[in-house]
């Protein structure tokens, strides 16, 4: 059994080396497919992190009308705190909001002078509400809008934040869909190229195949080398794509961290290196083997 597999592998390896130019072109197309596949994995990781980061920063802020008293706002705060979906509620009075605004714009002389000329505080009191889960904000907003306290609330800023998250999710989903479509298109090209390469190998070895039949070679021993050849295309493409991909990740990771602190693209692909390598090898060899299998079924009649 061992010698049989060795002969089959050696025959497949010989076919791979014999068609050097065709092997180079076929492997190159597969490399493009696997690099695009790897880029999609990186894009998916970054988009998940972006959405998660935005969701963590989202909260509901309810701004109250100037005529709302501290007692009424406190009553609303206690009612909201009693909801099971609420993690915490922070009350910011009009005076605190004004002090925070002054501190934030302490270097702007024009704003400071404008505030000094006002007779009344123009800012509103507010409640910052943090939910136990981002999906619960909609129900909290519905509670505030349907509650008897709604007449005291001037506006709720949740919908603007929700639109930002939805827009990011749509953009991310669109990029992933287009990337997936491009990957599938390139994969089909790779399958066709490998298919034609195996077909040419079969045509060039017609006499060898006839001799193997005459000496009693089994169907398995005749067909298997071409499957090995297809798998070798995928294996070498996987090696080349990994050798290219990791340096690219290493160089781009610092730039990603500038835009997204605490998100390490290199750290992610390093921590999951084994899974990534196995996945890339599996995809590459599967593409090669499927292409070879189709070519064998189509052109190798035994």
C-alpha atoms as a PDB file:
ATOM      1  CA  UNK A   1       0.000   0.000   0.000  1.00  0.00           C
ATOM      2  CA  UNK A   2       2.809   2.379   0.910  1.00  0.00           C
ATOM      3  CA  UNK A   3       4.716   1.668  -2.300  1.00  0.00           C
ATOM      4  CA  UNK A   4       1.518   2.096  -4.299  1.00  0.00           C
ATOM      5  CA  UNK A   5       0.922   5.563  -2.854  1.00  0.00           C
ATOM      6  CA  UNK A   6       4.561   6.472  -3.409  1.00  0.00           C
ATOM      7  CA  UNK A   7       4.323   5.531  -7.090  1.00  0.00           C
ATOM      8  CA  UNK A   8       1.094   7.504  -7.493  1.00  0.00           C
ATOM      9  CA  UNK A   9       2.579  10.577  -5.800  1.00  0.00           C
ATOM     10  CA  UNK A  10       5.800  10.344  -7.832  1.00  0.00           C
ATOM     11  CA  UNK A  11       3.790  10.126 -11.040  1.00  0.00           C
ATOM     12  CA  UNK A  12       1.741  13.183 -10.035  1.00  0.00           C
ATOM     13  CA  UNK A  13       4.912  15.064  -9.109  1.00  0.00           C
ATOM     14  CA  UNK A  14       6.451  14.177 -12.469  1.00  0.00           C
ATOM     15  CA  UNK A  15       3.384  15.540 -14.272  1.00  0.00           C
ATOM     16  CA  UNK A  16       3.607  18.714 -12.190  1.00  0.00           C
ATOM     17  CA  UNK A  17       7.280  19.271 -13.081  1.00  0.00           C
ATOM     18  CA  UNK A  18       6.902  18.249 -16.714  1.00  0.00           C
ATOM     19  CA  UNK A  19       4.411  21.035 -17.524  1.00  0.00           C
ATOM     20  CA  UNK A  20       6.493  23.793 -15.940  1.00  0.00           C
ATOM     21  CA  UNK A  21       4.970  26.807 -17.723  1.00  0.00           C
ATOM     22  CA  UNK A  22       1.427  25.529 -17.401  1.00  0.00           C
ATOM     23  CA  UNK A  23       2.060  24.675 -13.744  1.00  0.00           C
ATOM     24  CA  UNK A  24       3.361  28.192 -13.102  1.00  0.00           C
ATOM     25  CA  UNK A  25       0.315  29.821 -14.690  1.00  0.00           C
ATOM     26  CA  UNK A  26      -2.152  27.524 -12.934  1.00  0.00           C
ATOM     27  CA  UNK A  27      -0.475  28.044  -9.576  1.00  0.00           C
ATOM     28  CA  UNK A  28      -0.431  31.819 -10.126  1.00  0.00           C
ATOM     29  CA  UNK A  29      -4.191  31.972 -10.690  1.00  0.00           C
ATOM     30  CA  UNK A  30      -4.789  29.892  -7.573  1.00  0.00           C
ATOM     31  CA  UNK A  31      -2.515  32.221  -5.593  1.00  0.00           C
ATOM     32  CA  UNK A  32      -4.727  35.161  -6.585  1.00  0.00           C
ATOM     33  CA  UNK A  33      -7.824  33.252  -5.437  1.00  0.00           C
ATOM     34  CA  UNK A  34      -6.296  32.352  -2.073  1.00  0.00           C
ATOM     35  CA  UNK A  35      -4.959  35.887  -1.483  1.00  0.00           C
ATOM     36  CA  UNK A  36      -8.393  37.330  -2.164  1.00  0.00           C
ATOM     37  CA  UNK A  37      -9.902  34.712   0.133  1.00  0.00           C
ATOM     38  CA  UNK A  38      -7.421  35.739   2.859  1.00  0.00           C
ATOM     39  CA  UNK A  39      -8.236  39.411   2.315  1.00  0.00           C
ATOM     40  CA  UNK A  40     -11.923  38.607   2.827  1.00  0.00           C
ATOM     41  CA  UNK A  41     -11.070  36.950   6.141  1.00  0.00           C
ATOM     42  CA  UNK A  42      -9.189  40.091   7.216  1.00  0.00           C
ATOM     43  CA  UNK A  43     -12.064  42.322   6.086  1.00  0.00           C
ATOM     44  CA  UNK A  44     -14.578  40.222   7.999  1.00  0.00           C
ATOM     45  CA  UNK A  45     -12.446  40.442  11.171  1.00  0.00           C
ATOM     46  CA  UNK A  46     -12.090  44.243  10.895  1.00  0.00           C
ATOM     47  CA  UNK A  47     -15.776  44.829  10.099  1.00  0.00           C
ATOM     48  CA  UNK A  48     -16.850  42.776  13.125  1.00  0.00           C
ATOM     49  CA  UNK A  49     -14.491  44.795  15.335  1.00  0.00           C
ATOM     50  CA  UNK A  50     -15.720  48.126  13.920  1.00  0.00           C
ATOM     51  CA  UNK A  51     -19.381  47.280  14.470  1.00  0.00           C
ATOM     52  CA  UNK A  52     -18.683  45.927  17.957  1.00  0.00           C
ATOM     53  CA  UNK A  53     -16.721  49.070  18.855  1.00  0.00           C
ATOM     54  CA  UNK A  54     -19.534  51.319  17.652  1.00  0.00           C
ATOM     55  CA  UNK A  55     -22.130  49.308  19.536  1.00  0.00           C
ATOM     56  CA  UNK A  56     -20.113  49.614  22.745  1.00  0.00           C
ATOM     57  CA  UNK A  57     -20.051  53.402  22.371  1.00  0.00           C
ATOM     58  CA  UNK A  58     -23.736  53.734  21.612  1.00  0.00           C
ATOM     59  CA  UNK A  59     -26.039  54.876  24.358  1.00  0.00           C
ATOM     60  CA  UNK A  60     -29.401  56.550  24.602  1.00  0.00           C
ATOM     61  CA  UNK A  61     -29.434  60.167  25.674  1.00  0.00           C
ATOM     62  CA  UNK A  62     -32.785  61.707  26.524  1.00  0.00           C
ATOM     63  CA  UNK A  63     -32.766  65.530  26.588  1.00  0.00           C
ATOM     64  CA  UNK A  64     -35.408  67.249  28.691  1.00  0.00           C
ATOM     65  CA  UNK A  65     -37.327  70.429  28.112  1.00  0.00           C
ATOM     66  CA  UNK A  66     -36.139  73.412  30.149  1.00  0.00           C
ATOM     67  CA  UNK A  67     -39.363  73.462  32.167  1.00  0.00           C
ATOM     68  CA  UNK A  68     -38.794  69.922  33.477  1.00  0.00           C
ATOM     69  CA  UNK A  69     -37.930  70.008  37.197  1.00  0.00           C
ATOM     70  CA  UNK A  70     -35.188  68.025  38.904  1.00  0.00           C
ATOM     71  CA  UNK A  71     -37.822  66.014  40.790  1.00  0.00           C
ATOM     72  CA  UNK A  72     -39.548  64.962  37.563  1.00  0.00           C
ATOM     73  CA  UNK A  73     -36.270  64.009  35.918  1.00  0.00           C
ATOM     74  CA  UNK A  74     -35.258  62.036  39.026  1.00  0.00           C
ATOM     75  CA  UNK A  75     -38.564  60.168  38.858  1.00  0.00           C
ATOM     76  CA  UNK A  76     -37.897  59.265  35.229  1.00  0.00           C
ATOM     77  CA  UNK A  77     -34.371  58.144  36.124  1.00  0.00           C
ATOM     78  CA  UNK A  78     -35.672  55.816  38.847  1.00  0.00           C
ATOM     79  CA  UNK A  79     -38.302  54.403  36.474  1.00  0.00           C
ATOM     80  CA  UNK A  80     -35.714  53.715  33.761  1.00  0.00           C
ATOM     81  CA  UNK A  81     -33.271  52.175  36.248  1.00  0.00           C
ATOM     82  CA  UNK A  82     -35.977  49.692  37.177  1.00  0.00           C
ATOM     83  CA  UNK A  83     -35.984  48.221  33.641  1.00  0.00           C
ATOM     84  CA  UNK A  84     -34.262  44.849  33.321  1.00  0.00           C
ATOM     85  CA  UNK A  85     -32.617  45.894  30.043  1.00  0.00           C
ATOM     86  CA  UNK A  86     -30.861  48.904  31.599  1.00  0.00           C
ATOM     87  CA  UNK A  87     -27.338  48.609  32.999  1.00  0.00           C
ATOM     88  CA  UNK A  88     -26.931  52.164  34.237  1.00  0.00           C
ATOM     89  CA  UNK A  89     -28.355  55.689  34.050  1.00  0.00           C
ATOM     90  CA  UNK A  90     -26.380  58.927  34.465  1.00  0.00           C
ATOM     91  CA  UNK A  91     -28.153  62.190  35.191  1.00  0.00           C
ATOM     92  CA  UNK A  92     -26.535  65.368  33.874  1.00  0.00           C
ATOM     93  CA  UNK A  93     -28.169  68.535  35.157  1.00  0.00           C
ATOM     94  CA  UNK A  94     -28.303  71.766  33.183  1.00  0.00           C
ATOM     95  CA  UNK A  95     -25.602  73.266  35.406  1.00  0.00           C
ATOM     96  CA  UNK A  96     -23.315  70.250  34.952  1.00  0.00           C
ATOM     97  CA  UNK A  97     -23.905  70.317  31.198  1.00  0.00           C
ATOM     98  CA  UNK A  98     -22.952  73.999  31.100  1.00  0.00           C
ATOM     99  CA  UNK A  99     -19.770  73.456  33.099  1.00  0.00           C
ATOM    100  CA  UNK A 100     -18.791  70.535  30.888  1.00  0.00           C
ATOM    101  CA  UNK A 101     -19.457  72.611  27.770  1.00  0.00           C
ATOM    102  CA  UNK A 102     -17.336  75.497  29.104  1.00  0.00           C
ATOM    103  CA  UNK A 103     -14.518  73.125  29.986  1.00  0.00           C
ATOM    104  CA  UNK A 104     -14.626  71.482  26.575  1.00  0.00           C
ATOM    105  CA  UNK A 105     -14.410  74.847  24.797  1.00  0.00           C
ATOM    106  CA  UNK A 106     -12.146  76.582  27.276  1.00  0.00           C
ATOM    107  CA  UNK A 107      -9.770  77.655  24.516  1.00  0.00           C
ATOM    108  CA  UNK A 108     -12.475  79.229  22.358  1.00  0.00           C
ATOM    109  CA  UNK A 109     -12.737  82.889  23.380  1.00  0.00           C
ATOM    110  CA  UNK A 110     -15.757  83.599  21.189  1.00  0.00           C
ATOM    111  CA  UNK A 111     -17.824  80.813  22.775  1.00  0.00           C
ATOM    112  CA  UNK A 112     -16.808  81.861  26.279  1.00  0.00           C
ATOM    113  CA  UNK A 113     -17.805  85.474  25.617  1.00  0.00           C
ATOM    114  CA  UNK A 114     -21.112  84.405  24.078  1.00  0.00           C
ATOM    115  CA  UNK A 115     -21.968  82.295  27.122  1.00  0.00           C
ATOM    116  CA  UNK A 116     -21.080  85.184  29.446  1.00  0.00           C
ATOM    117  CA  UNK A 117     -23.570  87.442  27.689  1.00  0.00           C
ATOM    118  CA  UNK A 118     -26.464  85.010  28.090  1.00  0.00           C
ATOM    119  CA  UNK A 119     -28.888  85.591  30.925  1.00  0.00           C
ATOM    120  CA  UNK A 120     -30.007  81.966  31.155  1.00  0.00           C
ATOM    121  CA  UNK A 121     -28.455  78.546  30.757  1.00  0.00           C
ATOM    122  CA  UNK A 122     -29.217  77.387  27.154  1.00  0.00           C
ATOM    123  CA  UNK A 123     -28.328  73.743  27.750  1.00  0.00           C
ATOM    124  CA  UNK A 124     -30.718  70.952  28.641  1.00  0.00           C
ATOM    125  CA  UNK A 125     -30.637  68.381  31.391  1.00  0.00           C
ATOM    126  CA  UNK A 126     -30.233  64.825  30.140  1.00  0.00           C
ATOM    127  CA  UNK A 127     -30.153  61.151  31.065  1.00  0.00           C
ATOM    128  CA  UNK A 128     -27.457  58.933  29.536  1.00  0.00           C
ATOM    129  CA  UNK A 129     -28.818  55.392  29.486  1.00  0.00           C
ATOM    130  CA  UNK A 130     -26.628  52.321  28.965  1.00  0.00           C
ATOM    131  CA  UNK A 131     -28.309  49.041  28.062  1.00  0.00           C
ATOM    132  CA  UNK A 132     -27.218  45.537  29.004  1.00  0.00           C
ATOM    133  CA  UNK A 133     -27.106  44.688  25.280  1.00  0.00           C
ATOM    134  CA  UNK A 134     -27.078  46.943  22.180  1.00  0.00           C
ATOM    135  CA  UNK A 135     -30.164  45.187  20.828  1.00  0.00           C
ATOM    136  CA  UNK A 136     -32.174  46.438  23.843  1.00  0.00           C
ATOM    137  CA  UNK A 137     -31.887  50.143  23.036  1.00  0.00           C
ATOM    138  CA  UNK A 138     -34.869  50.127  20.713  1.00  0.00           C
ATOM    139  CA  UNK A 139     -37.149  48.781  23.460  1.00  0.00           C
ATOM    140  CA  UNK A 140     -35.805  51.366  25.934  1.00  0.00           C
ATOM    141  CA  UNK A 141     -36.513  54.167  23.472  1.00  0.00           C
ATOM    142  CA  UNK A 142     -40.019  52.788  22.908  1.00  0.00           C
ATOM    143  CA  UNK A 143     -40.560  52.805  26.681  1.00  0.00           C
ATOM    144  CA  UNK A 144     -39.495  56.455  26.946  1.00  0.00           C
ATOM    145  CA  UNK A 145     -41.657  57.525  24.024  1.00  0.00           C
ATOM    146  CA  UNK A 146     -44.735  55.673  25.258  1.00  0.00           C
ATOM    147  CA  UNK A 147     -44.344  56.609  28.917  1.00  0.00           C
ATOM    148  CA  UNK A 148     -46.269  59.350  30.696  1.00  0.00           C
ATOM    149  CA  UNK A 149     -42.968  61.234  30.994  1.00  0.00           C
ATOM    150  CA  UNK A 150     -42.759  61.716  27.207  1.00  0.00           C
ATOM    151  CA  UNK A 151     -44.175  65.236  27.469  1.00  0.00           C
ATOM    152  CA  UNK A 152     -41.092  66.290  29.429  1.00  0.00           C
ATOM    153  CA  UNK A 153     -38.597  64.857  26.907  1.00  0.00           C
ATOM    154  CA  UNK A 154     -37.470  67.150  24.116  1.00  0.00           C
ATOM    155  CA  UNK A 155     -35.508  64.648  21.999  1.00  0.00           C
ATOM    156  CA  UNK A 156     -33.766  61.261  22.088  1.00  0.00           C
ATOM    157  CA  UNK A 157     -30.516  60.867  20.170  1.00  0.00           C
ATOM    158  CA  UNK A 158     -30.599  57.098  19.683  1.00  0.00           C
ATOM    159  CA  UNK A 159     -31.813  57.131  16.096  1.00  0.00           C
ATOM    160  CA  UNK A 160     -28.764  59.017  14.807  1.00  0.00           C
ATOM    161  CA  UNK A 161     -26.417  56.451  16.383  1.00  0.00           C
ATOM    162  CA  UNK A 162     -28.520  53.600  15.071  1.00  0.00           C
ATOM    163  CA  UNK A 163     -28.267  54.972  11.537  1.00  0.00           C
ATOM    164  CA  UNK A 164     -24.460  55.134  11.811  1.00  0.00           C
ATOM    165  CA  UNK A 165     -24.248  51.471  12.885  1.00  0.00           C
ATOM    166  CA  UNK A 166     -26.686  50.383  10.172  1.00  0.00           C
ATOM    167  CA  UNK A 167     -24.675  52.279   7.552  1.00  0.00           C
ATOM    168  CA  UNK A 168     -21.410  50.672   8.673  1.00  0.00           C
ATOM    169  CA  UNK A 169     -23.044  47.230   8.616  1.00  0.00           C
ATOM    170  CA  UNK A 170     -24.404  47.830   5.104  1.00  0.00           C
ATOM    171  CA  UNK A 171     -21.027  48.997   3.800  1.00  0.00           C
ATOM    172  CA  UNK A 172     -19.273  46.057   5.441  1.00  0.00           C
ATOM    173  CA  UNK A 173     -21.848  43.619   4.101  1.00  0.00           C
ATOM    174  CA  UNK A 174     -21.578  45.118   0.614  1.00  0.00           C
ATOM    175  CA  UNK A 175     -17.787  44.836   0.594  1.00  0.00           C
ATOM    176  CA  UNK A 176     -17.980  41.231   1.775  1.00  0.00           C
ATOM    177  CA  UNK A 177     -20.604  40.345  -0.835  1.00  0.00           C
ATOM    178  CA  UNK A 178     -18.628  41.904  -3.680  1.00  0.00           C
ATOM    179  CA  UNK A 179     -15.433  40.319  -2.389  1.00  0.00           C
ATOM    180  CA  UNK A 180     -17.117  36.935  -2.177  1.00  0.00           C
ATOM    181  CA  UNK A 181     -18.461  37.296  -5.720  1.00  0.00           C
ATOM    182  CA  UNK A 182     -14.986  38.211  -6.998  1.00  0.00           C
ATOM    183  CA  UNK A 183     -13.461  35.270  -5.131  1.00  0.00           C
ATOM    184  CA  UNK A 184     -15.994  32.882  -6.658  1.00  0.00           C
ATOM    185  CA  UNK A 185     -15.303  34.307 -10.122  1.00  0.00           C
ATOM    186  CA  UNK A 186     -11.548  33.885  -9.703  1.00  0.00           C
ATOM    187  CA  UNK A 187     -12.073  30.393  -8.259  1.00  0.00           C
ATOM    188  CA  UNK A 188     -14.013  29.451 -11.406  1.00  0.00           C
ATOM    189  CA  UNK A 189     -11.155  30.792 -13.534  1.00  0.00           C
ATOM    190  CA  UNK A 190      -8.679  28.753 -11.461  1.00  0.00           C
ATOM    191  CA  UNK A 191     -10.814  25.635 -11.894  1.00  0.00           C
ATOM    192  CA  UNK A 192     -10.963  26.174 -15.660  1.00  0.00           C
ATOM    193  CA  UNK A 193      -7.207  26.774 -15.921  1.00  0.00           C
ATOM    194  CA  UNK A 194      -6.426  23.675 -13.839  1.00  0.00           C
ATOM    195  CA  UNK A 195      -9.011  21.706 -15.808  1.00  0.00           C
ATOM    196  CA  UNK A 196      -7.318  22.587 -19.108  1.00  0.00           C
ATOM    197  CA  UNK A 197      -3.868  21.871 -17.683  1.00  0.00           C
ATOM    198  CA  UNK A 198      -4.920  18.363 -16.594  1.00  0.00           C
ATOM    199  CA  UNK A 199      -6.654  17.844 -19.946  1.00  0.00           C
ATOM    200  CA  UNK A 200      -3.446  18.658 -21.839  1.00  0.00           C
ATOM    201  CA  UNK A 201      -1.500  16.317 -19.561  1.00  0.00           C
ATOM    202  CA  UNK A 202      -3.952  13.497 -20.306  1.00  0.00           C
ATOM    203  CA  UNK A 203      -3.728  14.112 -24.068  1.00  0.00           C
ATOM    204  CA  UNK A 204       0.080  14.198 -23.950  1.00  0.00           C
ATOM    205  CA  UNK A 205       0.196  10.898 -22.060  1.00  0.00           C
ATOM    206  CA  UNK A 206      -2.193   8.893 -24.211  1.00  0.00           C
ATOM    207  CA  UNK A 207       0.486   6.359 -25.102  1.00  0.00           C
ATOM    208  CA  UNK A 208       1.576   5.955 -21.481  1.00  0.00           C
ATOM    209  CA  UNK A 209      -2.045   5.413 -20.454  1.00  0.00           C
ATOM    210  CA  UNK A 210      -2.467   2.769 -23.173  1.00  0.00           C
ATOM    211  CA  UNK A 211       0.667   0.967 -22.000  1.00  0.00           C
ATOM    212  CA  UNK A 212      -0.570   1.007 -18.376  1.00  0.00           C
ATOM    213  CA  UNK A 213      -3.841  -0.534 -19.550  1.00  0.00           C
ATOM    214  CA  UNK A 214      -2.023  -3.259 -21.479  1.00  0.00           C
ATOM    215  CA  UNK A 215       0.140  -4.240 -18.497  1.00  0.00           C
ATOM    216  CA  UNK A 216      -2.936  -4.459 -16.263  1.00  0.00           C
ATOM    217  CA  UNK A 217      -2.758  -1.143 -14.424  1.00  0.00           C
ATOM    218  CA  UNK A 218      -5.849  -0.459 -12.307  1.00  0.00           C
ATOM    219  CA  UNK A 219      -8.121   2.479 -12.902  1.00  0.00           C
ATOM    220  CA  UNK A 220      -6.991   3.939  -9.579  1.00  0.00           C
ATOM    221  CA  UNK A 221      -3.296   3.846 -10.551  1.00  0.00           C
ATOM    222  CA  UNK A 222      -4.063   5.517 -13.875  1.00  0.00           C
ATOM    223  CA  UNK A 223      -6.355   8.267 -12.554  1.00  0.00           C
ATOM    224  CA  UNK A 224      -4.861   9.051  -9.143  1.00  0.00           C
ATOM    225  CA  UNK A 225      -1.662  10.790 -10.390  1.00  0.00           C
ATOM    226  CA  UNK A 226      -3.794  13.476 -12.031  1.00  0.00           C
ATOM    227  CA  UNK A 227      -5.621  14.063  -8.745  1.00  0.00           C
ATOM    228  CA  UNK A 228      -2.220  14.370  -7.066  1.00  0.00           C
ATOM    229  CA  UNK A 229      -1.127  16.848  -9.750  1.00  0.00           C
ATOM    230  CA  UNK A 230      -4.204  19.000  -9.122  1.00  0.00           C
ATOM    231  CA  UNK A 231      -3.641  18.838  -5.372  1.00  0.00           C
ATOM    232  CA  UNK A 232      -0.020  19.937  -5.848  1.00  0.00           C
ATOM    233  CA  UNK A 233      -1.168  23.042  -7.720  1.00  0.00           C
ATOM    234  CA  UNK A 234      -3.354  23.940  -4.755  1.00  0.00           C
ATOM    235  CA  UNK A 235      -0.668  23.107  -2.174  1.00  0.00           C
ATOM    236  CA  UNK A 236       2.017  25.238  -3.830  1.00  0.00           C
ATOM    237  CA  UNK A 237      -0.480  28.062  -4.335  1.00  0.00           C
ATOM    238  CA  UNK A 238      -1.330  27.901  -0.620  1.00  0.00           C
ATOM    239  CA  UNK A 239       2.351  28.091   0.359  1.00  0.00           C
ATOM    240  CA  UNK A 240       2.991  31.083  -1.910  1.00  0.00           C
ATOM    241  CA  UNK A 241      -0.142  32.927  -0.775  1.00  0.00           C
ATOM    242  CA  UNK A 242       0.749  32.429   2.911  1.00  0.00           C
ATOM    243  CA  UNK A 243       4.309  33.651   2.272  1.00  0.00           C
ATOM    244  CA  UNK A 244       2.871  36.788   0.623  1.00  0.00           C
ATOM    245  CA  UNK A 245      -0.045  37.358   2.987  1.00  0.00           C
ATOM    246  CA  UNK A 246       1.734  37.429   6.344  1.00  0.00           C
ATOM    247  CA  UNK A 247       4.286  40.129   5.365  1.00  0.00           C
ATOM    248  CA  UNK A 248       1.413  42.222   3.992  1.00  0.00           C
ATOM    249  CA  UNK A 249      -0.460  41.798   7.283  1.00  0.00           C
ATOM    250  CA  UNK A 250       2.712  42.672   9.217  1.00  0.00           C
ATOM    251  CA  UNK A 251       3.163  45.913   7.253  1.00  0.00           C
ATOM    252  CA  UNK A 252      -0.496  46.941   7.309  1.00  0.00           C
ATOM    253  CA  UNK A 253      -1.214  46.069  10.952  1.00  0.00           C
ATOM    254  CA  UNK A 254       0.356  49.273  12.419  1.00  0.00           C
ATOM    255  CA  UNK A 255      -1.723  51.387  10.008  1.00  0.00           C
ATOM    256  CA  UNK A 256      -4.870  49.558  11.082  1.00  0.00           C
ATOM    257  CA  UNK A 257      -4.007  50.150  14.763  1.00  0.00           C
ATOM    258  CA  UNK A 258      -3.727  53.904  14.095  1.00  0.00           C
ATOM    259  CA  UNK A 259      -7.323  53.924  12.851  1.00  0.00           C
ATOM    260  CA  UNK A 260      -8.564  51.260  15.283  1.00  0.00           C
ATOM    261  CA  UNK A 261      -6.605  51.224  18.549  1.00  0.00           C
ATOM    262  CA  UNK A 262      -6.479  47.901  20.392  1.00  0.00           C
ATOM    263  CA  UNK A 263      -7.274  46.002  17.168  1.00  0.00           C
ATOM    264  CA  UNK A 264      -4.277  43.983  15.965  1.00  0.00           C
ATOM    265  CA  UNK A 265      -4.662  42.400  12.541  1.00  0.00           C
ATOM    266  CA  UNK A 266      -1.295  40.677  12.907  1.00  0.00           C
ATOM    267  CA  UNK A 267      -2.218  39.445  16.382  1.00  0.00           C
ATOM    268  CA  UNK A 268      -5.429  37.908  15.060  1.00  0.00           C
ATOM    269  CA  UNK A 269      -3.756  36.005  12.227  1.00  0.00           C
ATOM    270  CA  UNK A 270      -0.868  35.009  14.479  1.00  0.00           C
ATOM    271  CA  UNK A 271      -3.156  33.645  17.194  1.00  0.00           C
ATOM    272  CA  UNK A 272      -5.175  31.759  14.569  1.00  0.00           C
ATOM    273  CA  UNK A 273      -2.211  30.818  12.365  1.00  0.00           C
ATOM    274  CA  UNK A 274      -2.849  27.073  12.469  1.00  0.00           C
ATOM    275  CA  UNK A 275      -6.525  27.417  11.542  1.00  0.00           C
ATOM    276  CA  UNK A 276      -5.693  29.915   8.798  1.00  0.00           C
ATOM    277  CA  UNK A 277      -2.952  27.758   7.264  1.00  0.00           C
ATOM    278  CA  UNK A 278      -5.125  24.638   7.355  1.00  0.00           C
ATOM    279  CA  UNK A 279      -8.042  26.510   5.796  1.00  0.00           C
ATOM    280  CA  UNK A 280      -5.938  27.983   2.979  1.00  0.00           C
ATOM    281  CA  UNK A 281      -4.350  24.611   2.236  1.00  0.00           C
ATOM    282  CA  UNK A 282      -7.758  22.921   2.279  1.00  0.00           C
ATOM    283  CA  UNK A 283      -9.290  25.462  -0.112  1.00  0.00           C
ATOM    284  CA  UNK A 284      -6.301  25.360  -2.467  1.00  0.00           C
ATOM    285  CA  UNK A 285      -6.070  21.578  -2.622  1.00  0.00           C
ATOM    286  CA  UNK A 286      -9.849  21.257  -2.947  1.00  0.00           C
ATOM    287  CA  UNK A 287      -9.843  23.584  -5.969  1.00  0.00           C
ATOM    288  CA  UNK A 288      -7.066  21.566  -7.579  1.00  0.00           C
ATOM    289  CA  UNK A 289      -8.589  18.185  -6.796  1.00  0.00           C
ATOM    290  CA  UNK A 290     -12.066  19.164  -8.022  1.00  0.00           C
ATOM    291  CA  UNK A 291     -10.621  20.525 -11.285  1.00  0.00           C
ATOM    292  CA  UNK A 292      -8.622  17.330 -11.802  1.00  0.00           C
ATOM    293  CA  UNK A 293     -11.613  15.128 -10.998  1.00  0.00           C
ATOM    294  CA  UNK A 294     -13.787  16.908 -13.569  1.00  0.00           C
ATOM    295  CA  UNK A 295     -11.056  16.659 -16.216  1.00  0.00           C
ATOM    296  CA  UNK A 296     -10.565  12.948 -15.501  1.00  0.00           C
ATOM    297  CA  UNK A 297     -14.297  12.257 -15.743  1.00  0.00           C
ATOM    298  CA  UNK A 298     -14.504  14.212 -18.978  1.00  0.00           C
ATOM    299  CA  UNK A 299     -11.392  13.128 -20.890  1.00  0.00           C
ATOM    300  CA  UNK A 300      -9.968   9.967 -19.313  1.00  0.00           C
ATOM    301  CA  UNK A 301     -12.123   7.081 -20.543  1.00  0.00           C
ATOM    302  CA  UNK A 302     -10.891   3.758 -19.160  1.00  0.00           C
END
